[in-house]
Structure formats: C-alpha cells, structure tokens
C-alpha cells in the first residue's frame, strides 16, 4: 500500500468515525427533543448515509444507487 492509499484510507476511517460520533450525540438527545428538532433528524440521516458510504468505500464497493 502506498502513502497515498494510507492517506485515503485514514480520511475515510476518520469520516466514518465522525459520522458515528455525530450519530451517538444525536441519539443521546431525549426522544421528544429529537422528534421536535428537524435539524437533528436530518443530521442523523446524513450521518448514517456518510457512515454507510464510508464503510462501503473501505470494503471496495463503489456502486452508485441501489
């Protein structure tokens, strides 16, 4: 693996970690607060998408769509 490959993998892992931490933070909100906060709901959705995309990229799956 070259230096560039390691940099890319490191960036992807950091992105996945960041998405996971953001998701944990949002999940720790109270249920009612979460339901009332549109920003939190959209942020959680985005974080989940980012986490899944990062993990699929690490796995080598770069297909678009479903």
PDB file of N, CA and C in Angstrom:
ATOM      1  N   UNK A   1       0.849  -1.170   0.000  1.00  0.00           N
ATOM      2  CA  UNK A   1       0.000   0.000   0.000  1.00  0.00           C
ATOM      3  C   UNK A   1       0.896   1.234   0.000  1.00  0.00           C
ATOM      4  N   UNK A   2       0.597   2.180  -0.845  1.00  0.00           N
ATOM      5  CA  UNK A   2       1.402   3.385  -0.938  1.00  0.00           C
ATOM      6  C   UNK A   2       0.955   4.405   0.100  1.00  0.00           C
ATOM      7  N   UNK A   3       1.744   5.487   0.233  1.00  0.00           N
ATOM      8  CA  UNK A   3       1.401   6.554   1.154  1.00  0.00           C
ATOM      9  C   UNK A   3       0.064   7.193   0.827  1.00  0.00           C
ATOM     10  N   UNK A   4      -0.203   7.339  -0.444  1.00  0.00           N
ATOM     11  CA  UNK A   4      -1.475   7.930  -0.866  1.00  0.00           C
ATOM     12  C   UNK A   4      -2.630   7.038  -0.443  1.00  0.00           C
ATOM     13  N   UNK A   5      -2.486   5.739  -0.625  1.00  0.00           N
ATOM     14  CA  UNK A   5      -3.532   4.808  -0.225  1.00  0.00           C
ATOM     15  C   UNK A   5      -3.813   4.920   1.273  1.00  0.00           C
ATOM     16  N   UNK A   6      -2.766   5.018   2.066  1.00  0.00           N
ATOM     17  CA  UNK A   6      -2.941   5.142   3.520  1.00  0.00           C
ATOM     18  C   UNK A   6      -3.647   6.447   3.865  1.00  0.00           C
ATOM     19  N   UNK A   7      -3.291   7.504   3.184  1.00  0.00           N
ATOM     20  CA  UNK A   7      -3.946   8.790   3.436  1.00  0.00           C
ATOM     21  C   UNK A   7      -5.429   8.722   3.120  1.00  0.00           C
ATOM     22  N   UNK A   8      -5.759   8.083   2.023  1.00  0.00           N
ATOM     23  CA  UNK A   8      -7.165   7.956   1.629  1.00  0.00           C
ATOM     24  C   UNK A   8      -7.916   7.101   2.641  1.00  0.00           C
ATOM     25  N   UNK A   9      -7.332   5.990   3.014  1.00  0.00           N
ATOM     26  CA  UNK A   9      -7.979   5.104   3.990  1.00  0.00           C
ATOM     27  C   UNK A   9      -8.136   5.813   5.327  1.00  0.00           C
ATOM     28  N   UNK A  10      -7.118   6.530   5.745  1.00  0.00           N
ATOM     29  CA  UNK A  10      -7.197   7.280   7.004  1.00  0.00           C
ATOM     30  C   UNK A  10      -8.327   8.298   6.956  1.00  0.00           C
ATOM     31  N   UNK A  11      -8.445   9.010   5.842  1.00  0.00           N
ATOM     32  CA  UNK A  11      -9.501  10.007   5.695  1.00  0.00           C
ATOM     33  C   UNK A  11     -10.879   9.349   5.749  1.00  0.00           C
ATOM     34  N   UNK A  12     -11.025   8.219   5.090  1.00  0.00           N
ATOM     35  CA  UNK A  12     -12.321   7.529   5.062  1.00  0.00           C
ATOM     36  C   UNK A  12     -12.684   7.011   6.452  1.00  0.00           C
ATOM     37  N   UNK A  13     -11.703   6.461   7.156  1.00  0.00           N
ATOM     38  CA  UNK A  13     -11.951   5.968   8.521  1.00  0.00           C
ATOM     39  C   UNK A  13     -12.321   7.130   9.442  1.00  0.00           C
ATOM     40  N   UNK A  14     -11.632   8.250   9.308  1.00  0.00           N
ATOM     41  CA  UNK A  14     -11.955   9.424  10.116  1.00  0.00           C
ATOM     42  C   UNK A  14     -13.362   9.935   9.809  1.00  0.00           C
ATOM     43  N   UNK A  15     -13.741   9.905   8.551  1.00  0.00           N
ATOM     44  CA  UNK A  15     -15.082  10.322   8.151  1.00  0.00           C
ATOM     45  C   UNK A  15     -16.129   9.407   8.769  1.00  0.00           C
ATOM     46  N   UNK A  16     -15.887   8.110   8.748  1.00  0.00           N
ATOM     47  CA  UNK A  16     -16.812   7.149   9.350  1.00  0.00           C
ATOM     48  C   UNK A  16     -16.903   7.372  10.856  1.00  0.00           C
ATOM     49  N   UNK A  17     -15.764   7.599  11.485  1.00  0.00           N
ATOM     50  CA  UNK A  17     -15.736   7.832  12.931  1.00  0.00           C
ATOM     51  C   UNK A  17     -16.505   9.101  13.291  1.00  0.00           C
ATOM     52  N   UNK A  18     -16.306  10.146  12.514  1.00  0.00           N
ATOM     53  CA  UNK A  18     -17.011  11.405  12.754  1.00  0.00           C
ATOM     54  C   UNK A  18     -18.522  11.221  12.617  1.00  0.00           C
ATOM     55  N   UNK A  19     -18.940  10.499  11.603  1.00  0.00           N
ATOM     56  CA  UNK A  19     -20.369  10.248  11.400  1.00  0.00           C
ATOM     57  C   UNK A  19     -20.941   9.430  12.552  1.00  0.00           C
ATOM     58  N   UNK A  20     -20.181   8.466  13.030  1.00  0.00           N
ATOM     59  CA  UNK A  20     -20.633   7.641  14.148  1.00  0.00           C
ATOM     60  C   UNK A  20     -20.751   8.474  15.424  1.00  0.00           C
ATOM     61  N   UNK A  21     -19.763   9.325  15.685  1.00  0.00           N
ATOM     62  CA  UNK A  21     -19.805  10.176  16.880  1.00  0.00           C
ATOM     63  C   UNK A  21     -20.973  11.160  16.814  1.00  0.00           C
ATOM     64  N   UNK A  22     -21.213  11.715  15.646  1.00  0.00           N
ATOM     65  CA  UNK A  22     -22.350  12.634  15.480  1.00  0.00           C
ATOM     66  C   UNK A  22     -23.660  11.895  15.726  1.00  0.00           C
ATOM     67  N   UNK A  23     -23.757  10.681  15.209  1.00  0.00           N
ATOM     68  CA  UNK A  23     -24.966   9.878  15.419  1.00  0.00           C
ATOM     69  C   UNK A  23     -25.170   9.586  16.900  1.00  0.00           C
ATOM     70  N   UNK A  24     -24.113   9.224  17.595  1.00  0.00           N
ATOM     71  CA  UNK A  24     -24.214   8.959  19.031  1.00  0.00           C
ATOM     72  C   UNK A  24     -24.681  10.194  19.785  1.00  0.00           C
ATOM     73  N   UNK A  25     -24.149  11.337  19.409  1.00  0.00           N
ATOM     74  CA  UNK A  25     -24.530  12.594  20.054  1.00  0.00           C
ATOM     75  C   UNK A  25     -26.015  12.880  19.861  1.00  0.00           C
ATOM     76  N   UNK A  26     -26.502  12.680  18.659  1.00  0.00           N
ATOM     77  CA  UNK A  26     -27.908  12.945  18.372  1.00  0.00           C
ATOM     78  C   UNK A  26     -28.804  11.944  19.085  1.00  0.00           C
ATOM     79  N   UNK A  27     -28.395  10.698  19.090  1.00  0.00           N
ATOM     80  CA  UNK A  27     -29.189   9.652  19.729  1.00  0.00           C
ATOM     81  C   UNK A  27     -29.310   9.895  21.233  1.00  0.00           C
ATOM     82  N   UNK A  28     -28.326  10.552  21.812  1.00  0.00           N
ATOM     83  CA  UNK A  28     -28.363  10.802  23.257  1.00  0.00           C
ATOM     84  C   UNK A  28     -29.379  11.889  23.645  1.00  0.00           C
ATOM     85  N   UNK A  29     -29.930  12.594  22.648  1.00  0.00           N
ATOM     86  CA  UNK A  29     -30.983  13.575  22.930  1.00  0.00           C
ATOM     87  C   UNK A  29     -32.194  12.845  23.488  1.00  0.00           C
ATOM     88  N   UNK A  30     -32.991  13.573  24.202  1.00  0.00           N
ATOM     89  CA  UNK A  30     -34.253  12.990  24.641  1.00  0.00           C
ATOM     90  C   UNK A  30     -35.136  12.709  23.431  1.00  0.00           C
ATOM     91  N   UNK A  31     -35.983  11.717  23.536  1.00  0.00           N
ATOM     92  CA  UNK A  31     -36.841  11.305  22.426  1.00  0.00           C
ATOM     93  C   UNK A  31     -37.708  12.460  21.935  1.00  0.00           C
ATOM     94  N   UNK A  32     -38.354  13.144  22.862  1.00  0.00           N
ATOM     95  CA  UNK A  32     -39.246  14.245  22.476  1.00  0.00           C
ATOM     96  C   UNK A  32     -38.471  15.385  21.829  1.00  0.00           C
ATOM     97  N   UNK A  33     -37.294  15.699  22.366  1.00  0.00           N
ATOM     98  CA  UNK A  33     -36.471  16.753  21.766  1.00  0.00           C
ATOM     99  C   UNK A  33     -36.059  16.367  20.351  1.00  0.00           C
ATOM    100  N   UNK A  34     -35.701  15.104  20.176  1.00  0.00           N
ATOM    101  CA  UNK A  34     -35.297  14.632  18.853  1.00  0.00           C
ATOM    102  C   UNK A  34     -36.448  14.760  17.853  1.00  0.00           C
ATOM    103  N   UNK A  35     -37.612  14.332  18.276  1.00  0.00           N
ATOM    104  CA  UNK A  35     -38.777  14.371  17.388  1.00  0.00           C
ATOM    105  C   UNK A  35     -39.127  15.806  17.000  1.00  0.00           C
ATOM    106  N   UNK A  36     -38.981  16.748  17.933  1.00  0.00           N
ATOM    107  CA  UNK A  36     -39.310  18.146  17.648  1.00  0.00           C
ATOM    108  C   UNK A  36     -38.245  18.856  16.827  1.00  0.00           C
ATOM    109  N   UNK A  37     -37.028  18.340  16.810  1.00  0.00           N
ATOM    110  CA  UNK A  37     -35.922  19.053  16.171  1.00  0.00           C
ATOM    111  C   UNK A  37     -35.663  18.503  14.764  1.00  0.00           C
ATOM    112  N   UNK A  38     -36.136  19.226  13.775  1.00  0.00           N
ATOM    113  CA  UNK A  38     -35.945  18.800  12.385  1.00  0.00           C
ATOM    114  C   UNK A  38     -34.459  18.724  12.044  1.00  0.00           C
ATOM    115  N   UNK A  39     -33.674  19.665  12.531  1.00  0.00           N
ATOM    116  CA  UNK A  39     -32.239  19.683  12.244  1.00  0.00           C
ATOM    117  C   UNK A  39     -31.562  18.401  12.748  1.00  0.00           C
ATOM    118  N   UNK A  40     -31.940  17.948  13.933  1.00  0.00           N
ATOM    119  CA  UNK A  40     -31.358  16.718  14.484  1.00  0.00           C
ATOM    120  C   UNK A  40     -31.748  15.509  13.629  1.00  0.00           C
ATOM    121  N   UNK A  41     -32.988  15.467  13.203  1.00  0.00           N
ATOM    122  CA  UNK A  41     -33.431  14.332  12.380  1.00  0.00           C
ATOM    123  C   UNK A  41     -32.675  14.275  11.057  1.00  0.00           C
ATOM    124  N   UNK A  42     -32.537  15.433  10.406  1.00  0.00           N
ATOM    125  CA  UNK A  42     -31.808  15.461   9.138  1.00  0.00           C
ATOM    126  C   UNK A  42     -30.319  15.186   9.348  1.00  0.00           C
ATOM    127  N   UNK A  43     -29.783  15.686  10.422  1.00  0.00           N
ATOM    128  CA  UNK A  43     -28.373  15.452  10.725  1.00  0.00           C
ATOM    129  C   UNK A  43     -28.109  13.961  10.958  1.00  0.00           C
ATOM    130  N   UNK A  44     -29.016  13.300  11.664  1.00  0.00           N
ATOM    131  CA  UNK A  44     -28.854  11.861  11.898  1.00  0.00           C
ATOM    132  C   UNK A  44     -28.929  11.101  10.578  1.00  0.00           C
ATOM    133  N   UNK A  45     -29.866  11.464   9.733  1.00  0.00           N
ATOM    134  CA  UNK A  45     -29.976  10.795   8.424  1.00  0.00           C
ATOM    135  C   UNK A  45     -28.684  10.964   7.621  1.00  0.00           C
ATOM    136  N   UNK A  46     -28.187  12.187   7.592  1.00  0.00           N
ATOM    137  CA  UNK A  46     -26.958  12.464   6.850  1.00  0.00           C
ATOM    138  C   UNK A  46     -25.783  11.678   7.435  1.00  0.00           C
ATOM    139  N   UNK A  47     -25.701  11.640   8.758  1.00  0.00           N
ATOM    140  CA  UNK A  47     -24.605  10.921   9.407  1.00  0.00           C
ATOM    141  C   UNK A  47     -24.652   9.430   9.086  1.00  0.00           C
ATOM    142  N   UNK A  48     -25.849   8.882   9.047  1.00  0.00           N
ATOM    143  CA  UNK A  48     -25.985   7.456   8.714  1.00  0.00           C
ATOM    144  C   UNK A  48     -25.552   7.209   7.275  1.00  0.00           C
ATOM    145  N   UNK A  49     -25.969   8.080   6.363  1.00  0.00           N
ATOM    146  CA  UNK A  49     -25.562   7.944   4.959  1.00  0.00           C
ATOM    147  C   UNK A  49     -24.039   8.028   4.840  1.00  0.00           C
ATOM    148  N   UNK A  50     -23.437   9.004   5.509  1.00  0.00           N
ATOM    149  CA  UNK A  50     -21.978   9.162   5.457  1.00  0.00           C
ATOM    150  C   UNK A  50     -21.265   7.928   6.021  1.00  0.00           C
ATOM    151  N   UNK A  51     -21.780   7.389   7.111  1.00  0.00           N
ATOM    152  CA  UNK A  51     -21.176   6.204   7.714  1.00  0.00           C
ATOM    153  C   UNK A  51     -21.251   5.013   6.764  1.00  0.00           C
ATOM    154  N   UNK A  52     -22.411   4.785   6.181  1.00  0.00           N
ATOM    155  CA  UNK A  52     -22.582   3.651   5.265  1.00  0.00           C
ATOM    156  C   UNK A  52     -21.701   3.825   4.028  1.00  0.00           C
ATOM    157  N   UNK A  53     -21.688   5.029   3.463  1.00  0.00           N
ATOM    158  CA  UNK A  53     -20.848   5.268   2.287  1.00  0.00           C
ATOM    159  C   UNK A  53     -19.375   5.047   2.605  1.00  0.00           C
ATOM    160  N   UNK A  54     -18.932   5.508   3.745  1.00  0.00           N
ATOM    161  CA  UNK A  54     -17.526   5.326   4.132  1.00  0.00           C
ATOM    162  C   UNK A  54     -17.181   3.854   4.275  1.00  0.00           C
ATOM    163  N   UNK A  55     -18.059   3.117   4.943  1.00  0.00           N
ATOM    164  CA  UNK A  55     -17.788   1.697   5.146  1.00  0.00           C
ATOM    165  C   UNK A  55     -17.821   0.918   3.832  1.00  0.00           C
ATOM    166  N   UNK A  56     -18.744   1.271   2.946  1.00  0.00           N
ATOM    167  CA  UNK A  56     -18.788   0.608   1.642  1.00  0.00           C
ATOM    168  C   UNK A  56     -17.544   0.934   0.821  1.00  0.00           C
ATOM    169  N   UNK A  57     -17.065   2.162   0.924  1.00  0.00           N
ATOM    170  CA  UNK A  57     -15.847   2.540   0.212  1.00  0.00           C
ATOM    171  C   UNK A  57     -14.664   1.736   0.728  1.00  0.00           C
ATOM    172  N   UNK A  58     -14.566   1.570   2.043  1.00  0.00           N
ATOM    173  CA  UNK A  58     -13.477   0.771   2.608  1.00  0.00           C
ATOM    174  C   UNK A  58     -13.567  -0.681   2.151  1.00  0.00           C
ATOM    175  N   UNK A  59     -14.782  -1.153   1.999  1.00  0.00           N
ATOM    176  CA  UNK A  59     -14.987  -2.523   1.538  1.00  0.00           C
ATOM    177  C   UNK A  59     -14.674  -2.665   0.060  1.00  0.00           C
ATOM    178  N   UNK A  60     -14.632  -1.540  -0.644  1.00  0.00           N
ATOM    179  CA  UNK A  60     -14.334  -1.590  -2.064  1.00  0.00           C
ATOM    180  C   UNK A  60     -15.563  -1.558  -2.944  1.00  0.00           C
ATOM    181  N   UNK A  61     -16.723  -1.334  -2.343  1.00  0.00           N
ATOM    182  CA  UNK A  61     -17.969  -1.283  -3.083  1.00  0.00           C
ATOM    183  C   UNK A  61     -18.263   0.169  -3.437  1.00  0.00           C
ATOM    184  N   UNK A  62     -18.078   0.529  -4.692  1.00  0.00           N
ATOM    185  CA  UNK A  62     -18.282   1.910  -5.116  1.00  0.00           C
ATOM    186  C   UNK A  62     -19.441   2.058  -6.070  1.00  0.00           C
ATOM    187  N   UNK A  63     -20.339   1.083  -6.072  1.00  0.00           N
ATOM    188  CA  UNK A  63     -21.515   1.153  -6.954  1.00  0.00           C
ATOM    189  C   UNK A  63     -22.385   2.331  -6.566  1.00  0.00           C
ATOM    190  N   UNK A  64     -23.021   2.928  -7.565  1.00  0.00           N
ATOM    191  CA  UNK A  64     -23.943   4.029  -7.345  1.00  0.00           C
ATOM    192  C   UNK A  64     -25.361   3.473  -7.272  1.00  0.00           C
ATOM    193  N   UNK A  65     -26.195   4.085  -6.486  1.00  0.00           N
ATOM    194  CA  UNK A  65     -27.608   3.712  -6.423  1.00  0.00           C
ATOM    195  C   UNK A  65     -27.845   2.462  -5.616  1.00  0.00           C
ATOM    196  N   UNK A  66     -28.998   1.846  -5.893  1.00  0.00           N
ATOM    197  CA  UNK A  66     -29.407   0.682  -5.106  1.00  0.00           C
ATOM    198  C   UNK A  66     -29.227  -0.598  -5.847  1.00  0.00           C
TER     199      UNK A  66
END
